[in-house]
N, C-alpha and C. Protein backbone atom coordinates (compact mmCIF):
# COMPACT_ATOMS: atom_id res chain seq x y z
N MET A 1 -29.10 -28.14 75.58
CA MET A 1 -29.18 -29.69 75.65
C MET A 1 -27.69 -30.25 75.09
N THR A 2 -27.19 -31.52 75.29
CA THR A 2 -26.53 -32.24 75.07
C THR A 2 -26.41 -33.10 73.65
N ILE A 3 -25.12 -32.90 73.14
CA ILE A 3 -25.13 -33.78 72.05
C ILE A 3 -24.03 -33.92 71.77
N ASN A 4 -23.97 -35.48 71.76
CA ASN A 4 -22.38 -36.41 72.02
C ASN A 4 -22.37 -37.03 70.38
N TYR A 5 -21.16 -36.90 70.15
CA TYR A 5 -20.46 -38.06 68.90
C TYR A 5 -20.95 -39.33 69.30
N PRO A 6 -20.75 -40.08 68.12
CA PRO A 6 -20.88 -41.78 68.60
C PRO A 6 -19.93 -42.55 69.64
N ASN A 7 -18.65 -41.93 69.65
CA ASN A 7 -17.90 -42.42 70.91
C ASN A 7 -18.50 -41.94 71.86
N GLY A 8 -19.55 -40.89 72.27
CA GLY A 8 -20.08 -40.72 73.41
C GLY A 8 -19.01 -39.46 73.70
N GLN A 9 -18.27 -39.01 73.18
CA GLN A 9 -17.67 -37.80 73.55
C GLN A 9 -18.33 -36.16 73.29
N ALA A 10 -18.11 -35.95 74.58
CA ALA A 10 -19.33 -34.63 74.53
C ALA A 10 -18.90 -33.69 72.79
N PHE A 11 -19.92 -33.68 72.69
CA PHE A 11 -20.07 -32.23 71.07
C PHE A 11 -19.43 -30.71 71.71
N ALA A 12 -18.44 -29.87 71.08
CA ALA A 12 -18.03 -28.96 71.79
C ALA A 12 -18.83 -27.52 70.87
N LEU A 13 -20.45 -26.96 71.29
CA LEU A 13 -21.13 -26.56 70.27
C LEU A 13 -20.45 -25.18 69.79
N ASN A 14 -19.61 -24.85 70.74
CA ASN A 14 -19.13 -23.39 70.45
C ASN A 14 -18.61 -23.23 69.34
N ARG A 15 -17.38 -24.37 69.53
CA ARG A 15 -16.76 -24.98 68.26
C ARG A 15 -17.19 -24.66 66.67
N TRP A 16 -18.21 -26.08 67.15
CA TRP A 16 -19.03 -26.28 65.96
C TRP A 16 -19.86 -25.22 65.48
N GLU A 17 -20.63 -24.42 66.06
CA GLU A 17 -20.98 -22.96 65.58
C GLU A 17 -19.88 -22.30 64.40
N ASN A 18 -18.27 -22.11 65.25
CA ASN A 18 -17.34 -21.14 64.61
C ASN A 18 -17.41 -21.92 63.26
N SER A 19 -17.09 -23.08 63.11
CA SER A 19 -16.56 -23.80 61.90
C SER A 19 -17.95 -24.24 61.35
N HIS A 20 -19.09 -24.03 61.68
CA HIS A 20 -19.82 -24.06 60.50
C HIS A 20 -20.68 -23.27 60.27
N SER A 21 -20.52 -21.98 60.30
CA SER A 21 -21.11 -20.40 59.84
C SER A 21 -22.40 -20.33 60.90
N SER A 22 -22.21 -20.20 61.86
CA SER A 22 -23.32 -20.00 63.14
C SER A 22 -23.01 -18.68 63.41
N THR A 23 -21.86 -18.10 63.60
CA THR A 23 -21.87 -16.66 63.97
C THR A 23 -22.64 -15.87 63.24
N LYS A 24 -22.82 -15.36 63.47
CA LYS A 24 -23.77 -14.08 62.98
C LYS A 24 -23.23 -12.90 62.49
N SER A 25 -23.11 -12.89 60.99
CA SER A 25 -22.62 -11.90 60.61
C SER A 25 -23.23 -10.92 60.28
N VAL A 26 -22.72 -9.15 59.63
CA VAL A 26 -23.71 -8.44 59.35
C VAL A 26 -22.62 -7.91 58.05
N SER A 27 -23.33 -7.66 57.12
CA SER A 27 -23.25 -7.32 55.88
C SER A 27 -24.28 -5.94 55.41
N PHE A 28 -23.80 -5.20 54.08
CA PHE A 28 -24.77 -3.70 54.32
C PHE A 28 -25.77 -4.50 53.54
N SER A 29 -26.02 -5.25 53.11
CA SER A 29 -27.05 -5.70 52.23
C SER A 29 -28.41 -6.76 53.25
N ASN A 30 -27.46 -7.30 53.88
CA ASN A 30 -28.49 -8.29 54.60
C ASN A 30 -27.62 -8.85 56.57
N ARG A 31 -28.01 -7.90 57.12
CA ARG A 31 -27.26 -7.68 58.15
C ARG A 31 -27.96 -8.39 59.52
N GLY A 32 -27.06 -9.77 59.91
CA GLY A 32 -27.52 -10.60 61.00
C GLY A 32 -26.98 -11.95 60.41
N MET A 33 -27.57 -12.05 58.48
CA MET A 33 -27.32 -13.12 57.79
C MET A 33 -26.03 -13.54 58.08
N THR A 34 -25.93 -15.65 58.41
CA THR A 34 -24.87 -16.08 58.51
C THR A 34 -24.46 -16.65 56.90
N LEU A 35 -23.39 -16.81 56.42
CA LEU A 35 -22.89 -17.13 55.33
C LEU A 35 -24.02 -18.33 55.17
N GLU A 36 -24.65 -19.33 55.98
CA GLU A 36 -25.28 -20.31 55.86
C GLU A 36 -26.75 -20.08 55.06
N ASP A 37 -27.00 -18.83 55.73
CA ASP A 37 -28.49 -18.42 55.34
C ASP A 37 -28.30 -18.01 54.18
N GLU A 38 -27.19 -17.09 53.92
CA GLU A 38 -27.15 -16.68 52.51
C GLU A 38 -27.10 -17.49 51.45
N ILE A 39 -26.23 -18.55 51.42
CA ILE A 39 -26.26 -19.56 50.64
C ILE A 39 -27.47 -20.32 50.57
N ASN A 40 -28.43 -20.92 51.23
CA ASN A 40 -29.16 -21.22 51.67
C ASN A 40 -30.49 -19.80 50.76
N LYS A 41 -30.29 -19.17 50.73
CA LYS A 41 -31.38 -17.95 49.35
C LYS A 41 -30.89 -17.77 48.42
N SER A 42 -29.62 -18.23 48.40
CA SER A 42 -28.84 -18.17 46.67
C SER A 42 -29.74 -19.86 46.08
N ASN A 43 -29.97 -20.49 47.04
CA ASN A 43 -29.72 -21.95 46.06
C ASN A 43 -31.27 -21.82 46.62
N GLN A 44 -31.78 -21.02 46.87
CA GLN A 44 -33.79 -20.96 46.28
C GLN A 44 -33.80 -19.99 45.05
N TYR A 45 -32.65 -19.51 45.15
CA TYR A 45 -33.21 -18.82 43.66
C TYR A 45 -32.70 -19.43 42.69
N TYR A 46 -31.53 -19.87 42.71
CA TYR A 46 -30.72 -20.93 41.61
C TYR A 46 -32.30 -22.12 41.50
N LEU A 47 -32.82 -22.69 42.22
CA LEU A 47 -33.70 -23.80 41.98
C LEU A 47 -34.91 -23.30 41.85
N ALA A 48 -35.35 -22.12 42.39
CA ALA A 48 -36.84 -21.20 41.69
C ALA A 48 -36.67 -21.16 39.90
N ASN A 49 -35.58 -20.43 39.34
CA ASN A 49 -34.93 -20.30 38.40
C ASN A 49 -34.81 -21.10 37.39
N GLY A 50 -34.57 -22.59 37.87
CA GLY A 50 -34.25 -23.69 36.73
C GLY A 50 -32.55 -23.35 36.74
N ILE A 51 -31.67 -23.10 37.57
CA ILE A 51 -30.09 -22.95 36.99
C ILE A 51 -29.62 -24.20 37.87
N ALA A 52 -30.38 -24.80 39.00
CA ALA A 52 -29.56 -26.06 39.81
C ALA A 52 -30.44 -26.16 40.83
N VAL A 53 -30.00 -27.59 41.21
CA VAL A 53 -30.81 -28.18 42.46
C VAL A 53 -29.41 -28.23 43.48
N ILE A 54 -29.86 -27.67 44.29
CA ILE A 54 -28.60 -27.62 45.58
C ILE A 54 -29.08 -27.47 46.88
N HIS A 55 -28.94 -28.35 47.85
CA HIS A 55 -29.59 -28.73 49.13
C HIS A 55 -28.68 -28.62 50.11
N LYS A 56 -29.01 -27.84 51.28
CA LYS A 56 -28.19 -28.06 52.59
C LYS A 56 -28.57 -29.55 52.98
N LYS A 57 -27.41 -30.35 52.95
CA LYS A 57 -28.03 -31.73 53.78
C LYS A 57 -28.34 -31.80 54.68
N PRO A 58 -29.11 -32.87 55.63
CA PRO A 58 -29.33 -33.17 57.15
C PRO A 58 -28.62 -33.42 57.78
N THR A 59 -28.08 -32.73 59.27
CA THR A 59 -27.59 -34.12 59.96
C THR A 59 -27.74 -34.74 60.51
N PRO A 60 -27.21 -35.80 60.31
CA PRO A 60 -27.98 -37.05 61.02
C PRO A 60 -27.68 -37.25 62.70
N ILE A 61 -28.96 -37.56 63.40
CA ILE A 61 -28.75 -36.80 64.61
C ILE A 61 -29.74 -38.15 65.24
N GLN A 62 -29.69 -38.78 66.38
CA GLN A 62 -30.22 -39.62 66.54
C GLN A 62 -30.63 -38.90 68.82
N ILE A 63 -31.49 -39.00 68.70
CA ILE A 63 -32.52 -38.29 69.73
C ILE A 63 -32.50 -39.49 70.65
N VAL A 64 -32.04 -39.28 72.03
CA VAL A 64 -31.41 -39.87 73.07
C VAL A 64 -32.61 -39.89 74.33
N SER A 65 -32.95 -38.45 74.75
CA SER A 65 -33.12 -37.71 75.84
C SER A 65 -34.65 -36.83 75.34
N VAL A 66 -35.75 -36.64 75.83
CA VAL A 66 -36.78 -35.90 75.52
C VAL A 66 -37.18 -35.49 76.53
N ASP A 67 -37.23 -33.93 76.72
CA ASP A 67 -37.93 -33.63 78.22
C ASP A 67 -39.51 -33.23 77.97
N TYR A 68 -40.42 -32.95 78.56
CA TYR A 68 -41.88 -32.87 77.95
C TYR A 68 -42.51 -31.59 78.92
N PRO A 69 -41.83 -30.36 79.52
CA PRO A 69 -42.55 -29.42 80.21
C PRO A 69 -43.96 -29.37 80.17
N ARG A 70 -44.45 -29.24 79.19
CA ARG A 70 -45.79 -29.42 79.08
C ARG A 70 -46.16 -30.50 77.82
N ARG A 71 -47.41 -30.37 77.93
CA ARG A 71 -48.06 -31.79 76.59
C ARG A 71 -47.54 -31.12 75.13
N SER A 72 -47.73 -29.69 74.88
CA SER A 72 -47.73 -29.67 73.71
C SER A 72 -46.42 -29.01 73.32
N ALA A 73 -45.30 -29.36 74.14
CA ALA A 73 -44.02 -28.61 73.69
C ALA A 73 -43.08 -29.80 74.26
N ALA A 74 -41.69 -30.29 73.57
CA ALA A 74 -40.97 -31.31 73.77
C ALA A 74 -39.60 -30.40 73.72
N LYS A 75 -38.94 -30.92 74.45
CA LYS A 75 -37.42 -30.17 74.72
C LYS A 75 -36.13 -31.37 74.47
N ILE A 76 -35.51 -31.50 73.20
CA ILE A 76 -34.91 -32.76 73.25
C ILE A 76 -33.38 -32.36 74.65
N LYS A 77 -32.74 -32.89 75.29
CA LYS A 77 -32.21 -32.92 76.50
C LYS A 77 -30.87 -33.66 75.82
N GLU A 78 -31.04 -34.54 75.10
CA GLU A 78 -29.56 -35.31 75.19
C GLU A 78 -29.74 -35.86 73.60
N ALA A 79 -28.76 -36.12 72.36
CA ALA A 79 -28.47 -36.69 70.97
C ALA A 79 -27.52 -36.70 70.89
N TYR A 80 -26.95 -37.49 69.71
CA TYR A 80 -25.80 -38.27 69.57
C TYR A 80 -26.07 -37.78 67.65
N PHE A 81 -24.53 -37.94 67.37
CA PHE A 81 -24.60 -37.72 65.96
C PHE A 81 -24.52 -39.49 65.56
N GLN A 82 -25.14 -39.45 64.39
CA GLN A 82 -25.62 -41.26 64.18
C GLN A 82 -23.91 -41.27 63.48
N ARG A 83 -23.05 -40.62 62.57
CA ARG A 83 -22.44 -40.55 62.09
C ARG A 83 -21.64 -39.62 61.76
N ALA A 84 -20.56 -39.85 61.33
CA ALA A 84 -19.61 -38.19 61.06
C ALA A 84 -20.18 -37.50 59.91
N SER A 85 -20.37 -36.23 59.76
CA SER A 85 -20.99 -35.34 58.42
C SER A 85 -20.26 -35.08 57.35
N THR A 86 -20.46 -35.18 56.34
CA THR A 86 -19.23 -34.96 55.41
C THR A 86 -19.12 -33.39 55.05
N THR A 87 -19.84 -32.92 53.99
CA THR A 87 -19.83 -31.29 53.55
C THR A 87 -21.24 -30.83 53.74
N ASP A 88 -21.37 -29.66 53.71
CA ASP A 88 -22.92 -29.10 54.14
C ASP A 88 -23.69 -28.83 53.00
N TYR A 89 -23.28 -29.03 51.98
CA TYR A 89 -24.19 -28.75 50.70
C TYR A 89 -23.38 -29.98 49.23
N ASN A 90 -25.00 -30.35 48.51
CA ASN A 90 -24.55 -30.85 47.32
C ASN A 90 -25.75 -30.95 46.10
N GLY A 91 -25.67 -31.12 45.16
CA GLY A 91 -26.51 -31.34 44.35
C GLY A 91 -26.14 -30.99 42.70
N VAL A 92 -27.24 -30.34 41.68
CA VAL A 92 -26.68 -31.15 40.57
C VAL A 92 -26.75 -29.49 39.52
N TYR A 93 -25.82 -29.03 38.91
CA TYR A 93 -25.82 -27.93 38.09
C TYR A 93 -25.27 -28.58 36.75
N GLN A 94 -25.66 -28.04 35.62
CA GLN A 94 -25.70 -28.57 34.07
C GLN A 94 -25.10 -29.80 34.24
N GLY A 95 -25.53 -30.71 34.72
CA GLY A 95 -25.31 -32.30 34.43
C GLY A 95 -23.63 -32.56 34.94
N HIS A 96 -23.57 -31.44 36.40
CA HIS A 96 -22.33 -32.03 37.06
C HIS A 96 -22.82 -32.19 38.58
N TYR A 97 -22.14 -33.12 39.29
CA TYR A 97 -22.27 -33.17 40.86
C TYR A 97 -21.83 -31.97 41.08
N ILE A 98 -22.36 -31.37 42.14
CA ILE A 98 -21.93 -30.59 43.26
C ILE A 98 -21.37 -30.33 45.01
N ASP A 99 -20.47 -30.42 45.18
CA ASP A 99 -20.40 -30.65 46.50
C ASP A 99 -19.53 -29.92 47.14
N PHE A 100 -19.77 -29.12 48.24
CA PHE A 100 -19.33 -28.16 48.80
C PHE A 100 -19.81 -27.86 50.33
N ASP A 101 -18.48 -27.22 51.04
CA ASP A 101 -18.92 -26.64 52.14
C ASP A 101 -18.50 -25.15 52.22
N ALA A 102 -19.51 -24.66 53.78
CA ALA A 102 -19.07 -23.48 53.66
C ALA A 102 -18.58 -22.92 55.11
N LYS A 103 -17.96 -22.00 55.02
CA LYS A 103 -16.84 -21.81 56.46
C LYS A 103 -16.63 -20.22 56.83
N GLU A 104 -16.79 -19.67 57.98
CA GLU A 104 -16.45 -18.23 58.55
C GLU A 104 -15.46 -18.55 58.79
N THR A 105 -14.80 -17.20 58.51
CA THR A 105 -13.49 -17.29 60.16
C THR A 105 -13.52 -15.68 60.22
N GLN A 106 -12.99 -15.42 62.14
CA GLN A 106 -13.13 -14.33 62.21
C GLN A 106 -11.65 -13.48 61.72
N ASN A 107 -10.73 -14.49 61.58
CA ASN A 107 -9.70 -14.16 61.32
C ASN A 107 -9.61 -13.13 60.03
N LYS A 108 -8.49 -12.48 60.18
CA LYS A 108 -8.50 -11.61 59.55
C LYS A 108 -7.58 -11.88 58.14
N THR A 109 -6.19 -12.64 58.61
CA THR A 109 -5.00 -12.47 57.35
C THR A 109 -5.13 -14.21 57.45
N SER A 110 -6.12 -15.06 57.80
CA SER A 110 -5.24 -16.48 57.39
C SER A 110 -6.89 -17.19 57.59
N PHE A 111 -7.06 -18.69 56.79
CA PHE A 111 -7.91 -18.98 57.36
C PHE A 111 -7.59 -20.46 57.95
N PRO A 112 -8.09 -20.84 59.18
CA PRO A 112 -7.64 -22.02 59.72
C PRO A 112 -8.25 -23.08 59.56
N LEU A 113 -7.11 -24.16 59.20
CA LEU A 113 -7.21 -25.18 58.54
C LEU A 113 -8.20 -26.31 59.51
N GLN A 114 -8.45 -26.14 61.20
CA GLN A 114 -8.78 -26.54 62.20
C GLN A 114 -10.56 -26.32 61.49
N ASN A 115 -10.86 -25.87 60.84
CA ASN A 115 -12.23 -25.27 61.07
C ASN A 115 -12.76 -26.54 59.70
N PHE A 116 -11.58 -27.16 58.92
CA PHE A 116 -12.50 -28.20 58.52
C PHE A 116 -12.14 -29.87 59.68
N HIS A 117 -12.78 -31.19 59.35
CA HIS A 117 -12.42 -31.97 59.92
C HIS A 117 -11.70 -33.01 58.88
N GLU A 118 -11.31 -34.12 59.12
CA GLU A 118 -10.59 -35.34 58.49
C GLU A 118 -11.14 -36.06 57.50
N HIS A 119 -12.49 -36.15 58.25
CA HIS A 119 -13.13 -37.13 57.42
C HIS A 119 -13.90 -36.08 56.56
N GLN A 120 -13.81 -34.71 56.40
CA GLN A 120 -14.74 -33.73 55.74
C GLN A 120 -13.45 -33.70 54.27
N ILE A 121 -12.12 -33.31 54.64
CA ILE A 121 -11.47 -33.58 53.61
C ILE A 121 -11.49 -34.78 52.54
N GLU A 122 -11.75 -35.98 53.58
CA GLU A 122 -11.57 -37.19 52.91
C GLU A 122 -12.77 -37.49 51.69
N HIS A 123 -13.79 -36.99 52.30
CA HIS A 123 -15.05 -36.67 51.75
C HIS A 123 -14.77 -35.92 49.94
N MET A 124 -14.19 -34.99 50.03
CA MET A 124 -13.72 -34.33 49.21
C MET A 124 -12.59 -34.78 48.00
N ARG A 125 -11.98 -35.58 48.60
CA ARG A 125 -10.74 -36.73 47.95
C ARG A 125 -11.82 -37.53 46.75
N GLN A 126 -12.87 -37.99 47.31
CA GLN A 126 -13.53 -39.48 47.40
C GLN A 126 -14.21 -38.65 45.83
N CYS A 127 -14.42 -37.47 46.44
CA CYS A 127 -15.70 -36.15 44.94
C CYS A 127 -14.82 -36.31 44.10
N LEU A 128 -13.87 -35.89 44.15
CA LEU A 128 -12.71 -35.46 43.36
C LEU A 128 -12.31 -36.75 42.18
N LYS A 129 -12.24 -37.56 42.98
CA LYS A 129 -11.87 -39.34 42.37
C LYS A 129 -13.17 -39.60 41.42
N GLN A 130 -14.43 -39.45 41.65
CA GLN A 130 -15.75 -39.05 40.37
C GLN A 130 -15.67 -37.98 39.90
N GLN A 131 -15.19 -37.21 39.50
CA GLN A 131 -14.82 -36.29 38.50
C GLN A 131 -16.09 -35.19 39.24
N GLY A 132 -16.60 -35.34 40.63
CA GLY A 132 -17.60 -34.07 40.90
C GLY A 132 -16.70 -33.15 41.27
N ILE A 133 -17.69 -32.03 41.31
CA ILE A 133 -17.32 -30.35 41.60
C ILE A 133 -17.01 -30.05 42.78
N CYS A 134 -16.04 -29.91 43.74
CA CYS A 134 -15.76 -29.95 45.10
C CYS A 134 -15.14 -28.46 44.99
N PHE A 135 -15.55 -27.90 46.25
CA PHE A 135 -14.74 -27.10 46.69
C PHE A 135 -15.18 -26.61 48.25
N ALA A 136 -14.71 -25.47 48.65
CA ALA A 136 -15.35 -24.34 50.05
C ALA A 136 -15.53 -23.16 49.79
N ILE A 137 -16.79 -22.94 50.47
CA ILE A 137 -16.74 -21.27 50.11
C ILE A 137 -16.33 -20.87 51.17
N ILE A 138 -15.60 -19.84 51.29
CA ILE A 138 -15.09 -19.02 52.74
C ILE A 138 -15.12 -17.64 52.81
N LYS A 139 -15.70 -17.45 53.96
CA LYS A 139 -16.08 -16.14 54.31
C LYS A 139 -15.02 -15.43 55.55
N PHE A 140 -14.71 -14.32 54.86
CA PHE A 140 -13.62 -13.42 56.06
C PHE A 140 -14.59 -12.63 56.59
N VAL A 141 -15.14 -12.54 57.95
CA VAL A 141 -16.15 -12.02 58.42
C VAL A 141 -15.72 -10.31 58.51
N SER A 142 -15.22 -10.68 58.89
CA SER A 142 -14.18 -8.82 59.04
C SER A 142 -14.43 -8.14 57.90
N ASP A 143 -14.34 -8.05 56.45
CA ASP A 143 -14.91 -7.26 55.47
C ASP A 143 -15.99 -7.92 54.31
N GLN A 144 -16.58 -9.27 55.07
CA GLN A 144 -17.56 -9.85 54.33
C GLN A 144 -17.12 -9.87 52.95
N ALA A 145 -15.51 -10.59 53.12
CA ALA A 145 -15.50 -11.14 51.49
C ALA A 145 -15.24 -12.48 51.25
N ILE A 146 -15.83 -12.94 50.22
CA ILE A 146 -16.03 -14.62 50.05
C ILE A 146 -15.43 -14.93 49.02
N PHE A 147 -15.22 -16.08 49.38
CA PHE A 147 -14.41 -16.86 48.47
C PHE A 147 -14.56 -17.55 48.04
N VAL A 148 -14.89 -18.63 46.81
CA VAL A 148 -14.77 -20.08 46.14
C VAL A 148 -13.14 -20.85 46.02
N LEU A 149 -13.11 -21.47 46.93
CA LEU A 149 -11.22 -22.04 46.88
C LEU A 149 -11.73 -23.51 46.54
N LYS A 150 -11.17 -24.42 45.08
CA LYS A 150 -11.30 -25.33 44.96
C LYS A 150 -10.47 -26.34 45.47
N ALA A 151 -11.56 -27.60 46.27
CA ALA A 151 -11.24 -28.46 46.48
C ALA A 151 -9.86 -29.06 46.84
N SER A 152 -9.30 -29.09 45.55
CA SER A 152 -7.49 -29.63 44.95
C SER A 152 -6.72 -28.93 46.05
N ASP A 153 -7.14 -27.53 46.30
CA ASP A 153 -6.43 -26.48 46.82
C ASP A 153 -6.32 -26.78 48.45
N LEU A 154 -7.68 -26.92 48.86
CA LEU A 154 -7.60 -26.98 49.99
C LEU A 154 -7.02 -28.29 50.82
N ILE A 155 -7.22 -29.41 49.58
CA ILE A 155 -6.64 -30.27 50.10
C ILE A 155 -4.91 -30.63 50.42
N SER A 156 -4.65 -29.54 49.14
CA SER A 156 -3.13 -29.37 49.19
C SER A 156 -3.04 -29.11 50.77
N ALA A 157 -3.02 -27.56 50.83
CA ALA A 157 -2.94 -26.66 52.25
C ALA A 157 -3.09 -28.32 53.57
N TRP A 158 -4.06 -28.83 53.70
CA TRP A 158 -4.49 -30.09 54.48
C TRP A 158 -3.35 -30.57 54.66
N ASP A 159 -2.58 -31.21 53.40
CA ASP A 159 -1.55 -31.90 53.81
C ASP A 159 -0.54 -31.35 53.81
N ALA A 160 -0.25 -30.38 53.53
CA ALA A 160 1.04 -29.43 53.56
C ALA A 160 1.14 -29.40 55.41
N GLN A 161 0.43 -29.43 55.75
CA GLN A 161 0.05 -28.98 57.50
C GLN A 161 1.33 -30.65 58.22
N PHE A 162 1.11 -31.60 57.82
CA PHE A 162 0.87 -32.96 58.25
C PHE A 162 2.77 -32.92 57.93
N ASP A 163 3.42 -32.14 57.02
CA ASP A 163 4.76 -32.20 56.20
C ASP A 163 5.54 -30.68 56.85
N GLY A 164 4.96 -30.44 58.02
CA GLY A 164 5.80 -29.19 58.49
C GLY A 164 5.11 -27.77 58.07
N GLY A 165 4.06 -28.24 57.15
CA GLY A 165 3.24 -26.91 56.65
C GLY A 165 2.88 -25.92 57.91
N ARG A 166 1.73 -24.89 57.38
CA ARG A 166 1.27 -24.10 58.03
C ARG A 166 -0.05 -24.71 58.55
N LYS A 167 -0.57 -24.33 59.60
CA LYS A 167 -2.11 -24.88 60.44
C LYS A 167 -2.88 -24.15 59.76
N SER A 168 -2.95 -23.19 58.62
CA SER A 168 -3.80 -22.10 58.04
C SER A 168 -3.52 -21.89 56.67
N ILE A 169 -4.17 -21.21 55.84
CA ILE A 169 -4.27 -20.80 54.59
C ILE A 169 -4.45 -19.26 54.67
N PRO A 170 -3.40 -18.73 54.29
CA PRO A 170 -2.87 -17.29 54.09
C PRO A 170 -3.96 -16.22 53.10
N ARG A 171 -4.29 -15.50 53.81
CA ARG A 171 -5.75 -14.70 53.03
C ARG A 171 -4.77 -14.18 51.17
N LYS A 172 -3.49 -13.95 51.68
CA LYS A 172 -3.22 -13.69 49.97
C LYS A 172 -3.36 -14.88 49.08
N GLU A 173 -3.01 -16.10 49.77
CA GLU A 173 -2.86 -17.41 49.12
C GLU A 173 -4.24 -17.66 48.65
N ILE A 174 -4.87 -17.30 49.35
CA ILE A 174 -7.11 -17.92 48.98
C ILE A 174 -6.83 -16.78 48.12
N GLU A 175 -6.61 -15.36 47.93
CA GLU A 175 -7.13 -14.09 47.06
C GLU A 175 -6.31 -14.49 45.66
N ALA A 176 -5.33 -15.47 45.77
CA ALA A 176 -4.30 -15.46 44.29
C ALA A 176 -5.24 -16.88 43.80
N LYS A 177 -5.49 -17.57 44.46
CA LYS A 177 -5.73 -19.23 43.85
C LYS A 177 -7.48 -19.12 43.94
N ALA A 178 -7.94 -18.73 44.76
CA ALA A 178 -9.61 -18.96 44.79
C ALA A 178 -10.56 -17.51 44.28
N TYR A 179 -11.45 -17.76 43.81
CA TYR A 179 -12.30 -16.98 42.81
C TYR A 179 -12.94 -15.95 43.95
N GLN A 180 -12.98 -14.76 43.88
CA GLN A 180 -13.85 -14.41 44.32
C GLN A 180 -15.36 -13.53 44.60
N ILE A 181 -16.03 -13.81 44.96
CA ILE A 181 -17.85 -13.67 45.02
C ILE A 181 -18.16 -12.16 45.38
N ASP A 182 -18.72 -11.43 44.90
CA ASP A 182 -19.27 -10.27 45.41
C ASP A 182 -20.94 -10.81 45.46
N TYR A 183 -21.15 -9.99 46.01
CA TYR A 183 -22.65 -9.56 46.95
C TYR A 183 -23.71 -9.17 45.31
N ARG A 184 -24.75 -9.76 45.22
CA ARG A 184 -25.86 -9.34 44.62
C ARG A 184 -26.62 -9.73 44.82
N ILE A 185 -27.91 -9.01 44.76
CA ILE A 185 -29.00 -8.82 44.85
C ILE A 185 -30.04 -10.38 44.76
N ASN A 186 -30.02 -11.03 43.32
CA ASN A 186 -30.12 -12.23 43.34
C ASN A 186 -29.16 -12.69 42.01
N PRO A 187 -28.91 -14.11 42.46
CA PRO A 187 -28.88 -14.73 43.60
C PRO A 187 -27.49 -14.04 44.56
N LEU A 188 -28.07 -14.03 46.04
CA LEU A 188 -27.32 -12.98 47.15
C LEU A 188 -25.53 -13.51 46.99
N VAL A 189 -25.61 -14.60 46.78
CA VAL A 189 -24.08 -14.93 46.63
C VAL A 189 -23.61 -15.62 45.74
N PRO A 190 -23.50 -15.55 44.66
CA PRO A 190 -23.85 -16.35 43.08
C PRO A 190 -22.24 -16.72 43.20
N TYR A 191 -22.18 -18.02 43.90
CA TYR A 191 -21.10 -18.95 43.81
C TYR A 191 -20.98 -19.73 42.67
N LEU A 192 -22.40 -20.04 41.86
CA LEU A 192 -22.09 -20.98 40.28
C LEU A 192 -21.42 -19.79 39.41
N ASP A 193 -21.37 -18.55 39.58
CA ASP A 193 -20.00 -17.88 38.57
C ASP A 193 -18.92 -18.55 38.39
N ALA A 194 -18.18 -18.82 39.98
CA ALA A 194 -16.98 -19.40 40.22
C ALA A 194 -17.18 -21.01 39.66
N VAL A 195 -18.13 -21.64 39.65
CA VAL A 195 -18.34 -22.93 39.45
C VAL A 195 -18.17 -23.05 37.93
N ASP A 196 -18.66 -22.12 37.18
CA ASP A 196 -18.44 -22.20 35.46
C ASP A 196 -17.30 -22.10 35.44
N GLN A 197 -16.02 -21.28 36.18
CA GLN A 197 -14.60 -20.99 36.08
C GLN A 197 -14.00 -22.42 36.40
N ILE A 198 -14.77 -23.02 37.26
CA ILE A 198 -14.23 -24.38 37.30
C ILE A 198 -14.08 -25.20 36.73
N ILE A 199 -15.35 -25.17 35.72
CA ILE A 199 -15.97 -26.56 35.41
C ILE A 199 -15.43 -25.97 33.36
N HIS A 200 -15.32 -25.08 33.23
CA HIS A 200 -14.73 -24.19 32.08
C HIS A 200 -12.97 -24.19 32.52
């Protein structure tokens, strides 16, 4: 299937998969689950137990061409993103607006900032201006380490790269500034524990 941006530029599927947590990961408790799967499962737990209402945002796609190999099946051949997407998730928790993105990296020592797009960073800026709780969930696939990094720290690193700074955030810096999240049975990724610390 071909997917193009609104300007007609071809969409690099492999790059998108890497930056949007589609690369399959393996953890001791959930072999083969991606970070997105793990967060979705955690959100189901939060919703079912009346803790929070947080959902993955749908990606706005306009279908251009469809192939019908047989009457009972249809295959999308070409589609376009209607507009640039923002972050992956949003919702409400304890009266607070929650907005965040989830990214995985195969890199062991740093997190490449190219995994984010400028419009996503600008969206986070706007959320922070409205007093929203905004952050990124970052997973180092090599050892299954998950961190919740506040949007303000991510934005600082993003801006610094244009003033001669690094194009990535060293893992040691993430470990120092972010909240590390350990896997549990329920919820699988208890990221709201970190949100509690951000709020208070």
